[in-house]
Amino acid sequence: MICNKGDIVVIPFPFVDNANTKPRPAVVLSNGEFNKTHDHTVMAMITTGAGTSWNTDVKIDDLNKAGLKIASYMRLKIFTLDNRLIKKKIGKLNEKNLSHLQDNLNSILC
């Protein structure tokens, strides 16, 4: 599946202490052209933030548009995943959240 920057997708997220996975949401950071030509997508974790927070966390404002059911945050735990492992697209970030996410990425990568 080829996705675009700002899409919210469901992926198999690994557990730290064993080989199992759990379906979890993630936000796409890379653009569709990269995702298509490299057969991989750069993503960041989405979390409820229960008990932890990072100063670069971005609260997702429009849960309906994002396809999420509970209050969630984008967290800059960045990873690359084979496109074949993307289970489905469930939503998209609104422009405000996408802009805030881009600002945070620029602050840590530039």
PDB file of N, CA and C in Angstrom:
ATOM      1  N   MET A   1       0.852  -1.177   0.000  1.00  0.00           N
ATOM      2  CA  MET A   1       0.000   0.000   0.000  1.00  0.00           C
ATOM      3  C   MET A   1       0.897   1.239   0.000  1.00  0.00           C
ATOM      4  N   ILE A   2       0.603   2.168  -0.891  1.00  0.00           N
ATOM      5  CA  ILE A   2       1.348   3.425  -0.968  1.00  0.00           C
ATOM      6  C   ILE A   2       0.524   4.510  -0.275  1.00  0.00           C
ATOM      7  N   CYS A   3       1.139   5.158   0.702  1.00  0.00           N
ATOM      8  CA  CYS A   3       0.467   6.202   1.469  1.00  0.00           C
ATOM      9  C   CYS A   3       1.170   7.535   1.249  1.00  0.00           C
ATOM     10  N   ASN A   4       0.562   8.590   1.755  1.00  0.00           N
ATOM     11  CA  ASN A   4       1.109   9.936   1.633  1.00  0.00           C
ATOM     12  C   ASN A   4       1.383  10.525   3.006  1.00  0.00           C
ATOM     13  N   LYS A   5       2.226  11.542   3.011  1.00  0.00           N
ATOM     14  CA  LYS A   5       2.572  12.233   4.247  1.00  0.00           C
ATOM     15  C   LYS A   5       1.302  12.692   4.955  1.00  0.00           C
ATOM     16  N   GLY A   6       1.222  12.404   6.250  1.00  0.00           N
ATOM     17  CA  GLY A   6       0.068  12.795   7.044  1.00  0.00           C
ATOM     18  C   GLY A   6      -1.003  11.735   7.169  1.00  0.00           C
ATOM     19  N   ASP A   7      -0.908  10.662   6.378  1.00  0.00           N
ATOM     20  CA  ASP A   7      -1.869   9.561   6.506  1.00  0.00           C
ATOM     21  C   ASP A   7      -1.667   8.839   7.829  1.00  0.00           C
ATOM     22  N   ILE A   8      -2.752   8.369   8.405  1.00  0.00           N
ATOM     23  CA  ILE A   8      -2.702   7.522   9.604  1.00  0.00           C
ATOM     24  C   ILE A   8      -2.978   6.097   9.142  1.00  0.00           C
ATOM     25  N   VAL A   9      -2.078   5.190   9.505  1.00  0.00           N
ATOM     26  CA  VAL A   9      -2.178   3.797   9.065  1.00  0.00           C
ATOM     27  C   VAL A   9      -2.115   2.864  10.265  1.00  0.00           C
ATOM     28  N   VAL A  10      -2.506   1.623  10.037  1.00  0.00           N
ATOM     29  CA  VAL A  10      -2.389   0.583  11.055  1.00  0.00           C
ATOM     30  C   VAL A  10      -1.268  -0.354  10.616  1.00  0.00           C
ATOM     31  N   ILE A  11      -0.347  -0.617  11.553  1.00  0.00           N
ATOM     32  CA  ILE A  11       0.804  -1.473  11.275  1.00  0.00           C
ATOM     33  C   ILE A  11       0.987  -2.480  12.411  1.00  0.00           C
ATOM     34  N   PRO A  12       1.724  -3.568  12.174  1.00  0.00           N
ATOM     35  CA  PRO A  12       2.034  -4.504  13.251  1.00  0.00           C
ATOM     36  C   PRO A  12       3.200  -3.956  14.078  1.00  0.00           C
ATOM     37  N   PHE A  13       2.933  -3.483  15.274  1.00  0.00           N
ATOM     38  CA  PHE A  13       3.958  -2.897  16.124  1.00  0.00           C
ATOM     39  C   PHE A  13       4.556  -3.978  17.016  1.00  0.00           C
ATOM     40  N   PRO A  14       5.885  -4.113  17.052  1.00  0.00           N
ATOM     41  CA  PRO A  14       6.495  -5.177  17.851  1.00  0.00           C
ATOM     42  C   PRO A  14       6.507  -4.858  19.346  1.00  0.00           C
ATOM     43  N   PHE A  15       6.446  -5.906  20.144  1.00  0.00           N
ATOM     44  CA  PHE A  15       6.660  -5.778  21.576  1.00  0.00           C
ATOM     45  C   PHE A  15       8.160  -5.746  21.831  1.00  0.00           C
ATOM     46  N   VAL A  16       8.581  -5.097  22.898  1.00  0.00           N
ATOM     47  CA  VAL A  16       9.999  -5.000  23.225  1.00  0.00           C
ATOM     48  C   VAL A  16      10.534  -6.327  23.756  1.00  0.00           C
ATOM     49  N   ASP A  17       9.718  -7.030  24.523  1.00  0.00           N
ATOM     50  CA  ASP A  17      10.220  -8.188  25.256  1.00  0.00           C
ATOM     51  C   ASP A  17       9.894  -9.551  24.635  1.00  0.00           C
ATOM     52  N   ASN A  18       9.240  -9.578  23.450  1.00  0.00           N
ATOM     53  CA  ASN A  18       8.984 -10.859  22.789  1.00  0.00           C
ATOM     54  C   ASN A  18       8.757 -10.634  21.295  1.00  0.00           C
ATOM     55  N   ALA A  19       8.541 -11.709  20.561  1.00  0.00           N
ATOM     56  CA  ALA A  19       8.443 -11.633  19.103  1.00  0.00           C
ATOM     57  C   ALA A  19       7.040 -11.320  18.591  1.00  0.00           C
ATOM     58  N   ASN A  20       6.081 -11.110  19.473  1.00  0.00           N
ATOM     59  CA  ASN A  20       4.705 -10.821  19.060  1.00  0.00           C
ATOM     60  C   ASN A  20       4.558  -9.386  18.574  1.00  0.00           C
ATOM     61  N   THR A  21       3.470  -9.142  17.846  1.00  0.00           N
ATOM     62  CA  THR A  21       3.139  -7.790  17.402  1.00  0.00           C
ATOM     63  C   THR A  21       1.690  -7.485  17.749  1.00  0.00           C
ATOM     64  N   LYS A  22       1.356  -6.197  17.718  1.00  0.00           N
ATOM     65  CA  LYS A  22      -0.006  -5.744  17.985  1.00  0.00           C
ATOM     66  C   LYS A  22      -0.343  -4.661  16.972  1.00  0.00           C
ATOM     67  N   PRO A  23      -1.546  -4.683  16.390  1.00  0.00           N
ATOM     68  CA  PRO A  23      -1.895  -3.617  15.442  1.00  0.00           C
ATOM     69  C   PRO A  23      -1.966  -2.265  16.151  1.00  0.00           C
ATOM     70  N   ARG A  24      -1.204  -1.302  15.640  1.00  0.00           N
ATOM     71  CA  ARG A  24      -1.155   0.031  16.245  1.00  0.00           C
ATOM     72  C   ARG A  24      -1.177   1.086  15.143  1.00  0.00           C
ATOM     73  N   PRO A  25      -1.661   2.276  15.461  1.00  0.00           N
ATOM     74  CA  PRO A  25      -1.624   3.356  14.469  1.00  0.00           C
ATOM     75  C   PRO A  25      -0.242   4.003  14.399  1.00  0.00           C
ATOM     76  N   ALA A  26       0.058   4.549  13.234  1.00  0.00           N
ATOM     77  CA  ALA A  26       1.289   5.308  13.010  1.00  0.00           C
ATOM     78  C   ALA A  26       0.969   6.407  12.003  1.00  0.00           C
ATOM     79  N   VAL A  27       1.789   7.455  11.993  1.00  0.00           N
ATOM     80  CA  VAL A  27       1.604   8.549  11.042  1.00  0.00           C
ATOM     81  C   VAL A  27       2.728   8.483  10.005  1.00  0.00           C
ATOM     82  N   VAL A  28       2.354   8.668   8.739  1.00  0.00           N
ATOM     83  CA  VAL A  28       3.309   8.632   7.640  1.00  0.00           C
ATOM     84  C   VAL A  28       4.044   9.969   7.564  1.00  0.00           C
ATOM     85  N   LEU A  29       5.384   9.907   7.535  1.00  0.00           N
ATOM     86  CA  LEU A  29       6.213  11.110   7.461  1.00  0.00           C
ATOM     87  C   LEU A  29       6.757  11.365   6.059  1.00  0.00           C
ATOM     88  N   SER A  30       6.984  10.313   5.300  1.00  0.00           N
ATOM     89  CA  SER A  30       7.585  10.452   3.971  1.00  0.00           C
ATOM     90  C   SER A  30       6.502  10.670   2.914  1.00  0.00           C
ATOM     91  N   ASN A  31       6.914  11.243   1.779  1.00  0.00           N
ATOM     92  CA  ASN A  31       5.938  11.523   0.724  1.00  0.00           C
ATOM     93  C   ASN A  31       5.676  10.285  -0.130  1.00  0.00           C
ATOM     94  N   GLY A  32       4.585  10.323  -0.862  1.00  0.00           N
ATOM     95  CA  GLY A  32       4.155   9.181  -1.659  1.00  0.00           C
ATOM     96  C   GLY A  32       5.179   8.740  -2.682  1.00  0.00           C
ATOM     97  N   GLU A  33       5.900   9.674  -3.283  1.00  0.00           N
ATOM     98  CA  GLU A  33       6.911   9.320  -4.289  1.00  0.00           C
ATOM     99  C   GLU A  33       8.033   8.492  -3.660  1.00  0.00           C
ATOM    100  N   PHE A  34       8.531   8.921  -2.501  1.00  0.00           N
ATOM    101  CA  PHE A  34       9.553   8.134  -1.785  1.00  0.00           C
ATOM    102  C   PHE A  34       9.007   6.748  -1.462  1.00  0.00           C
ATOM    103  N   ASN A  35       7.807   6.706  -0.913  1.00  0.00           N
ATOM    104  CA  ASN A  35       7.213   5.439  -0.482  1.00  0.00           C
ATOM    105  C   ASN A  35       7.074   4.466  -1.652  1.00  0.00           C
ATOM    106  N   LYS A  36       6.716   4.998  -2.809  1.00  0.00           N
ATOM    107  CA  LYS A  36       6.540   4.159  -3.998  1.00  0.00           C
ATOM    108  C   LYS A  36       7.875   3.668  -4.545  1.00  0.00           C
ATOM    109  N   THR A  37       8.855   4.555  -4.679  1.00  0.00           N
ATOM    110  CA  THR A  37      10.124   4.177  -5.308  1.00  0.00           C
ATOM    111  C   THR A  37      11.024   3.357  -4.397  1.00  0.00           C
ATOM    112  N   HIS A  38      10.835   3.450  -3.089  1.00  0.00           N
ATOM    113  CA  HIS A  38      11.683   2.706  -2.158  1.00  0.00           C
ATOM    114  C   HIS A  38      11.007   1.465  -1.570  1.00  0.00           C
ATOM    115  N   ASP A  39       9.719   1.286  -1.823  1.00  0.00           N
ATOM    116  CA  ASP A  39       8.946   0.166  -1.272  1.00  0.00           C
ATOM    117  C   ASP A  39       8.930   0.150   0.260  1.00  0.00           C
ATOM    118  N   HIS A  40       9.249   1.276   0.858  1.00  0.00           N
ATOM    119  CA  HIS A  40       9.225   1.454   2.313  1.00  0.00           C
ATOM    120  C   HIS A  40       8.637   2.827   2.616  1.00  0.00           C
ATOM    121  N   THR A  41       8.162   2.998   3.845  1.00  0.00           N
ATOM    122  CA  THR A  41       7.563   4.254   4.285  1.00  0.00           C
ATOM    123  C   THR A  41       8.176   4.654   5.616  1.00  0.00           C
ATOM    124  N   VAL A  42       8.505   5.937   5.750  1.00  0.00           N
ATOM    125  CA  VAL A  42       9.016   6.474   7.008  1.00  0.00           C
ATOM    126  C   VAL A  42       7.814   6.915   7.841  1.00  0.00           C
ATOM    127  N   MET A  43       7.785   6.474   9.100  1.00  0.00           N
ATOM    128  CA  MET A  43       6.633   6.734   9.973  1.00  0.00           C
ATOM    129  C   MET A  43       7.067   7.158  11.366  1.00  0.00           C
ATOM    130  N   ALA A  44       6.095   7.635  12.127  1.00  0.00           N
ATOM    131  CA  ALA A  44       6.291   7.924  13.544  1.00  0.00           C
ATOM    132  C   ALA A  44       5.156   7.286  14.324  1.00  0.00           C
ATOM    133  N   MET A  45       5.455   6.986  15.547  1.00  0.00           N
ATOM    134  CA  MET A  45       4.528   6.317  16.463  1.00  0.00           C
ATOM    135  C   MET A  45       3.362   7.232  16.846  1.00  0.00           C
ATOM    136  N   ILE A  46       2.210   6.633  17.052  1.00  0.00           N
ATOM    137  CA  ILE A  46       1.067   7.313  17.671  1.00  0.00           C
ATOM    138  C   ILE A  46       0.809   6.612  18.991  1.00  0.00           C
ATOM    139  N   THR A  47       0.634   7.395  20.040  1.00  0.00           N
ATOM    140  CA  THR A  47       0.459   6.850  21.384  1.00  0.00           C
ATOM    141  C   THR A  47      -0.631   7.602  22.132  1.00  0.00           C
ATOM    142  N   THR A  48      -1.173   6.956  23.156  1.00  0.00           N
ATOM    143  CA  THR A  48      -2.102   7.666  24.037  1.00  0.00           C
ATOM    144  C   THR A  48      -1.321   8.520  25.033  1.00  0.00           C
ATOM    145  N   GLY A  49      -0.021   8.289  25.121  1.00  0.00           N
ATOM    146  CA  GLY A  49       0.824   9.071  26.012  1.00  0.00           C
ATOM    147  C   GLY A  49       0.680   8.707  27.464  1.00  0.00           C
ATOM    148  N   ALA A  50       0.067   7.584  27.731  1.00  0.00           N
ATOM    149  CA  ALA A  50      -0.193   7.168  29.111  1.00  0.00           C
ATOM    150  C   ALA A  50       1.102   7.077  29.913  1.00  0.00           C
ATOM    151  N   GLY A  51       1.257   7.997  30.844  1.00  0.00           N
ATOM    152  CA  GLY A  51       2.364   7.956  31.777  1.00  0.00           C
ATOM    153  C   GLY A  51       3.674   8.543  31.275  1.00  0.00           C
ATOM    154  N   THR A  52       3.755   8.919  30.009  1.00  0.00           N
ATOM    155  CA  THR A  52       4.997   9.490  29.482  1.00  0.00           C
ATOM    156  C   THR A  52       4.663  10.654  28.561  1.00  0.00           C
ATOM    157  N   SER A  53       5.642  11.497  28.335  1.00  0.00           N
ATOM    158  CA  SER A  53       5.480  12.540  27.326  1.00  0.00           C
ATOM    159  C   SER A  53       6.857  12.991  26.862  1.00  0.00           C
ATOM    160  N   TRP A  54       6.913  13.417  25.621  1.00  0.00           N
ATOM    161  CA  TRP A  54       8.108  14.018  25.044  1.00  0.00           C
ATOM    162  C   TRP A  54       7.751  15.448  24.697  1.00  0.00           C
ATOM    163  N   ASN A  55       8.711  16.368  24.755  1.00  0.00           N
ATOM    164  CA  ASN A  55       8.377  17.765  24.462  1.00  0.00           C
ATOM    165  C   ASN A  55       8.026  17.979  22.997  1.00  0.00           C
ATOM    166  N   THR A  56       8.296  17.007  22.139  1.00  0.00           N
ATOM    167  CA  THR A  56       7.915  17.114  20.730  1.00  0.00           C
ATOM    168  C   THR A  56       6.614  16.381  20.405  1.00  0.00           C
ATOM    169  N   ASP A  57       5.934  15.821  21.418  1.00  0.00           N
ATOM    170  CA  ASP A  57       4.639  15.172  21.177  1.00  0.00           C
ATOM    171  C   ASP A  57       3.649  16.192  20.617  1.00  0.00           C
ATOM    172  N   VAL A  58       2.830  15.751  19.675  1.00  0.00           N
ATOM    173  CA  VAL A  58       1.795  16.604  19.091  1.00  0.00           C
ATOM    174  C   VAL A  58       0.451  15.923  19.316  1.00  0.00           C
ATOM    175  N   LYS A  59      -0.441  16.615  20.035  1.00  0.00           N
ATOM    176  CA  LYS A  59      -1.779  16.075  20.256  1.00  0.00           C
ATOM    177  C   LYS A  59      -2.557  16.112  18.952  1.00  0.00           C
ATOM    178  N   ILE A  60      -3.223  15.022  18.630  1.00  0.00           N
ATOM    179  CA  ILE A  60      -4.030  14.948  17.418  1.00  0.00           C
ATOM    180  C   ILE A  60      -5.381  15.590  17.711  1.00  0.00           C
ATOM    181  N   ASP A  61      -5.669  16.694  16.993  1.00  0.00           N
ATOM    182  CA  ASP A  61      -6.859  17.495  17.258  1.00  0.00           C
ATOM    183  C   ASP A  61      -8.157  16.855  16.767  1.00  0.00           C
ATOM    184  N   ASP A  62      -8.148  16.385  15.539  1.00  0.00           N
ATOM    185  CA  ASP A  62      -9.375  15.890  14.904  1.00  0.00           C
ATOM    186  C   ASP A  62      -9.326  14.358  14.855  1.00  0.00           C
ATOM    187  N   LEU A  63      -9.813  13.725  15.917  1.00  0.00           N
ATOM    188  CA  LEU A  63      -9.761  12.263  16.009  1.00  0.00           C
ATOM    189  C   LEU A  63     -10.578  11.594  14.911  1.00  0.00           C
ATOM    190  N   ASN A  64     -11.723  12.174  14.564  1.00  0.00           N
ATOM    191  CA  ASN A  64     -12.552  11.577  13.512  1.00  0.00           C
ATOM    192  C   ASN A  64     -11.818  11.543  12.184  1.00  0.00           C
ATOM    193  N   LYS A  65     -11.227  12.667  11.785  1.00  0.00           N
ATOM    194  CA  LYS A  65     -10.491  12.728  10.522  1.00  0.00           C
ATOM    195  C   LYS A  65      -9.298  11.775  10.550  1.00  0.00           C
ATOM    196  N   ALA A  66      -8.665  11.645  11.717  1.00  0.00           N
ATOM    197  CA  ALA A  66      -7.500  10.764  11.862  1.00  0.00           C
ATOM    198  C   ALA A  66      -7.894   9.289  11.942  1.00  0.00           C
ATOM    199  N   GLY A  67      -9.172   9.014  12.170  1.00  0.00           N
ATOM    200  CA  GLY A  67      -9.621   7.632  12.274  1.00  0.00           C
ATOM    201  C   GLY A  67      -9.314   6.990  13.618  1.00  0.00           C
ATOM    202  N   LEU A  68      -9.132   7.831  14.633  1.00  0.00           N
ATOM    203  CA  LEU A  68      -8.789   7.347  15.975  1.00  0.00           C
ATOM    204  C   LEU A  68      -9.975   7.493  16.909  1.00  0.00           C
ATOM    205  N   LYS A  69     -10.025   6.635  17.923  1.00  0.00           N
ATOM    206  CA  LYS A  69     -11.161   6.621  18.845  1.00  0.00           C
ATOM    207  C   LYS A  69     -10.880   7.302  20.170  1.00  0.00           C
ATOM    208  N   ILE A  70      -9.595   7.352  20.577  1.00  0.00           N
ATOM    209  CA  ILE A  70      -9.262   7.955  21.869  1.00  0.00           C
ATOM    210  C   ILE A  70      -8.163   9.002  21.689  1.00  0.00           C
ATOM    211  N   ALA A  71      -8.077   9.915  22.645  1.00  0.00           N
ATOM    212  CA  ALA A  71      -7.072  10.978  22.593  1.00  0.00           C
ATOM    213  C   ALA A  71      -5.694  10.370  22.359  1.00  0.00           C
ATOM    214  N   SER A  72      -4.997  10.922  21.364  1.00  0.00           N
ATOM    215  CA  SER A  72      -3.708  10.363  20.965  1.00  0.00           C
ATOM    216  C   SER A  72      -2.722  11.464  20.609  1.00  0.00           C
ATOM    217  N   TYR A  73      -1.447  11.085  20.622  1.00  0.00           N
ATOM    218  CA  TYR A  73      -0.346  11.992  20.329  1.00  0.00           C
ATOM    219  C   TYR A  73       0.581  11.364  19.299  1.00  0.00           C
ATOM    220  N   MET A  74       1.131  12.195  18.418  1.00  0.00           N
ATOM    221  CA  MET A  74       2.202  11.738  17.537  1.00  0.00           C
ATOM    222  C   MET A  74       3.496  11.889  18.315  1.00  0.00           C
ATOM    223  N   ARG A  75       4.297  10.855  18.303  1.00  0.00           N
ATOM    224  CA  ARG A  75       5.570  10.868  19.012  1.00  0.00           C
ATOM    225  C   ARG A  75       6.676  10.584  18.008  1.00  0.00           C
ATOM    226  N   LEU A  76       7.738  11.353  18.044  1.00  0.00           N
ATOM    227  CA  LEU A  76       8.806  11.219  17.060  1.00  0.00           C
ATOM    228  C   LEU A  76       9.733  10.040  17.338  1.00  0.00           C
ATOM    229  N   LYS A  77       9.136   8.885  17.559  1.00  0.00           N
ATOM    230  CA  LYS A  77       9.860   7.615  17.499  1.00  0.00           C
ATOM    231  C   LYS A  77       9.744   7.203  16.042  1.00  0.00           C
ATOM    232  N   ILE A  78      10.796   7.484  15.284  1.00  0.00           N
ATOM    233  CA  ILE A  78      10.763   7.368  13.829  1.00  0.00           C
ATOM    234  C   ILE A  78      11.316   6.024  13.384  1.00  0.00           C
ATOM    235  N   PHE A  79      10.666   5.438  12.374  1.00  0.00           N
ATOM    236  CA  PHE A  79      11.101   4.146  11.839  1.00  0.00           C
ATOM    237  C   PHE A  79      10.694   4.036  10.378  1.00  0.00           C
ATOM    238  N   THR A  80      11.283   3.078   9.692  1.00  0.00           N
ATOM    239  CA  THR A  80      10.951   2.779   8.300  1.00  0.00           C
ATOM    240  C   THR A  80      10.371   1.383   8.246  1.00  0.00           C
ATOM    241  N   LEU A  81       9.307   1.222   7.459  1.00  0.00           N
ATOM    242  CA  LEU A  81       8.609  -0.064   7.395  1.00  0.00           C
ATOM    243  C   LEU A  81       8.331  -0.433   5.945  1.00  0.00           C
ATOM    244  N   ASP A  82       8.488  -1.702   5.631  1.00  0.00           N
ATOM    245  CA  ASP A  82       8.154  -2.223   4.311  1.00  0.00           C
ATOM    246  C   ASP A  82       6.678  -1.953   4.037  1.00  0.00           C
ATOM    247  N   ASN A  83       6.362  -1.425   2.861  1.00  0.00           N
ATOM    248  CA  ASN A  83       4.977  -1.089   2.514  1.00  0.00           C
ATOM    249  C   ASN A  83       4.034  -2.283   2.611  1.00  0.00           C
ATOM    250  N   ARG A  84       4.546  -3.476   2.403  1.00  0.00           N
ATOM    251  CA  ARG A  84       3.693  -4.666   2.459  1.00  0.00           C
ATOM    252  C   ARG A  84       3.141  -4.916   3.861  1.00  0.00           C
ATOM    253  N   LEU A  85       3.753  -4.311   4.879  1.00  0.00           N
ATOM    254  CA  LEU A  85       3.300  -4.522   6.258  1.00  0.00           C
ATOM    255  C   LEU A  85       2.224  -3.535   6.703  1.00  0.00           C
ATOM    256  N   ILE A  86       1.940  -2.537   5.878  1.00  0.00           N
ATOM    257  CA  ILE A  86       0.878  -1.584   6.206  1.00  0.00           C
ATOM    258  C   ILE A  86      -0.458  -2.296   6.022  1.00  0.00           C
ATOM    259  N   LYS A  87      -1.213  -2.426   7.108  1.00  0.00           N
ATOM    260  CA  LYS A  87      -2.480  -3.167   7.069  1.00  0.00           C
ATOM    261  C   LYS A  87      -3.600  -2.384   6.397  1.00  0.00           C
ATOM    262  N   LYS A  88      -3.735  -1.092   6.766  1.00  0.00           N
ATOM    263  CA  LYS A  88      -4.777  -0.263   6.174  1.00  0.00           C
ATOM    264  C   LYS A  88      -4.561   1.194   6.555  1.00  0.00           C
ATOM    265  N   LYS A  89      -5.146   2.075   5.749  1.00  0.00           N
ATOM    266  CA  LYS A  89      -5.173   3.499   6.053  1.00  0.00           C
ATOM    267  C   LYS A  89      -6.481   3.766   6.784  1.00  0.00           C
ATOM    268  N   ILE A  90      -6.405   4.489   7.912  1.00  0.00           N
ATOM    269  CA  ILE A  90      -7.623   4.757   8.684  1.00  0.00           C
ATOM    270  C   ILE A  90      -8.008   6.225   8.725  1.00  0.00           C
ATOM    271  N   GLY A  91      -7.091   7.119   8.322  1.00  0.00           N
ATOM    272  CA  GLY A  91      -7.420   8.537   8.368  1.00  0.00           C
ATOM    273  C   GLY A  91      -6.266   9.399   7.913  1.00  0.00           C
ATOM    274  N   LYS A  92      -6.371  10.690   8.250  1.00  0.00           N
ATOM    275  CA  LYS A  92      -5.370  11.662   7.824  1.00  0.00           C
ATOM    276  C   LYS A  92      -5.309  12.783   8.859  1.00  0.00           C
ATOM    277  N   LEU A  93      -4.117  13.345   9.051  1.00  0.00           N
ATOM    278  CA  LEU A  93      -3.958  14.489   9.942  1.00  0.00           C
ATOM    279  C   LEU A  93      -4.606  15.725   9.335  1.00  0.00           C
ATOM    280  N   ASN A  94      -5.094  16.609  10.201  1.00  0.00           N
ATOM    281  CA  ASN A  94      -5.550  17.902   9.699  1.00  0.00           C
ATOM    282  C   ASN A  94      -4.326  18.781   9.429  1.00  0.00           C
ATOM    283  N   GLU A  95      -4.515  19.879   8.727  1.00  0.00           N
ATOM    284  CA  GLU A  95      -3.396  20.738   8.314  1.00  0.00           C
ATOM    285  C   GLU A  95      -2.620  21.304   9.511  1.00  0.00           C
ATOM    286  N   LYS A  96      -3.319  21.672  10.574  1.00  0.00           N
ATOM    287  CA  LYS A  96      -2.657  22.225  11.758  1.00  0.00           C
ATOM    288  C   LYS A  96      -1.701  21.195  12.363  1.00  0.00           C
ATOM    289  N   ASN A  97      -2.167  19.966  12.535  1.00  0.00           N
ATOM    290  CA  ASN A  97      -1.318  18.927  13.113  1.00  0.00           C
ATOM    291  C   ASN A  97      -0.152  18.582  12.189  1.00  0.00           C
ATOM    292  N   LEU A  98      -0.407  18.531  10.893  1.00  0.00           N
ATOM    293  CA  LEU A  98       0.658  18.223   9.939  1.00  0.00           C
ATOM    294  C   LEU A  98       1.735  19.302   9.970  1.00  0.00           C
ATOM    295  N   SER A  99       1.339  20.555  10.055  1.00  0.00           N
ATOM    296  CA  SER A  99       2.285  21.661  10.137  1.00  0.00           C
ATOM    297  C   SER A  99       3.105  21.594  11.423  1.00  0.00           C
ATOM    298  N   HIS A 100       2.445  21.315  12.543  1.00  0.00           N
ATOM    299  CA  HIS A 100       3.129  21.204  13.826  1.00  0.00           C
ATOM    300  C   HIS A 100       4.125  20.043  13.807  1.00  0.00           C
ATOM    301  N   LEU A 101       3.722  18.929  13.243  1.00  0.00           N
ATOM    302  CA  LEU A 101       4.605  17.775  13.112  1.00  0.00           C
ATOM    303  C   LEU A 101       5.819  18.129  12.265  1.00  0.00           C
ATOM    304  N   GLN A 102       5.601  18.820  11.145  1.00  0.00           N
ATOM    305  CA  GLN A 102       6.712  19.214  10.277  1.00  0.00           C
ATOM    306  C   GLN A 102       7.671  20.147  11.006  1.00  0.00           C
ATOM    307  N   ASP A 103       7.145  21.097  11.778  1.00  0.00           N
ATOM    308  CA  ASP A 103       7.991  22.000  12.563  1.00  0.00           C
ATOM    309  C   ASP A 103       8.865  21.214  13.539  1.00  0.00           C
ATOM    310  N   ASN A 104       8.277  20.217  14.219  1.00  0.00           N
ATOM    311  CA  ASN A 104       9.040  19.402  15.161  1.00  0.00           C
ATOM    312  C   ASN A 104      10.114  18.591  14.453  1.00  0.00           C
ATOM    313  N   LEU A 105       9.774  18.024  13.290  1.00  0.00           N
ATOM    314  CA  LEU A 105      10.775  17.286  12.513  1.00  0.00           C
ATOM    315  C   LEU A 105      11.923  18.197  12.109  1.00  0.00           C
ATOM    316  N   ASN A 106      11.604  19.395  11.642  1.00  0.00           N
ATOM    317  CA  ASN A 106      12.644  20.350  11.253  1.00  0.00           C
ATOM    318  C   ASN A 106      13.538  20.705  12.440  1.00  0.00           C
ATOM    319  N   SER A 107      12.945  20.825  13.616  1.00  0.00           N
ATOM    320  CA  SER A 107      13.732  21.223  14.789  1.00  0.00           C
ATOM    321  C   SER A 107      14.730  20.144  15.220  1.00  0.00           C
ATOM    322  N   ILE A 108      14.422  18.886  14.930  1.00  0.00           N
ATOM    323  CA  ILE A 108      15.360  17.839  15.346  1.00  0.00           C
ATOM    324  C   ILE A 108      16.271  17.348  14.224  1.00  0.00           C
ATOM    325  N   LEU A 109      15.873  17.566  12.960  1.00  0.00           N
ATOM    326  CA  LEU A 109      16.655  17.036  11.843  1.00  0.00           C
ATOM    327  C   LEU A 109      17.467  18.104  11.106  1.00  0.00           C
ATOM    328  N   CYS A 110      17.132  19.363  11.295  1.00  0.00           N
ATOM    329  CA  CYS A 110      17.832  20.424  10.556  1.00  0.00           C
ATOM    330  C   CYS A 110      18.726  21.246  11.473  1.00  0.00           C
TER     331      CYS A 110
END
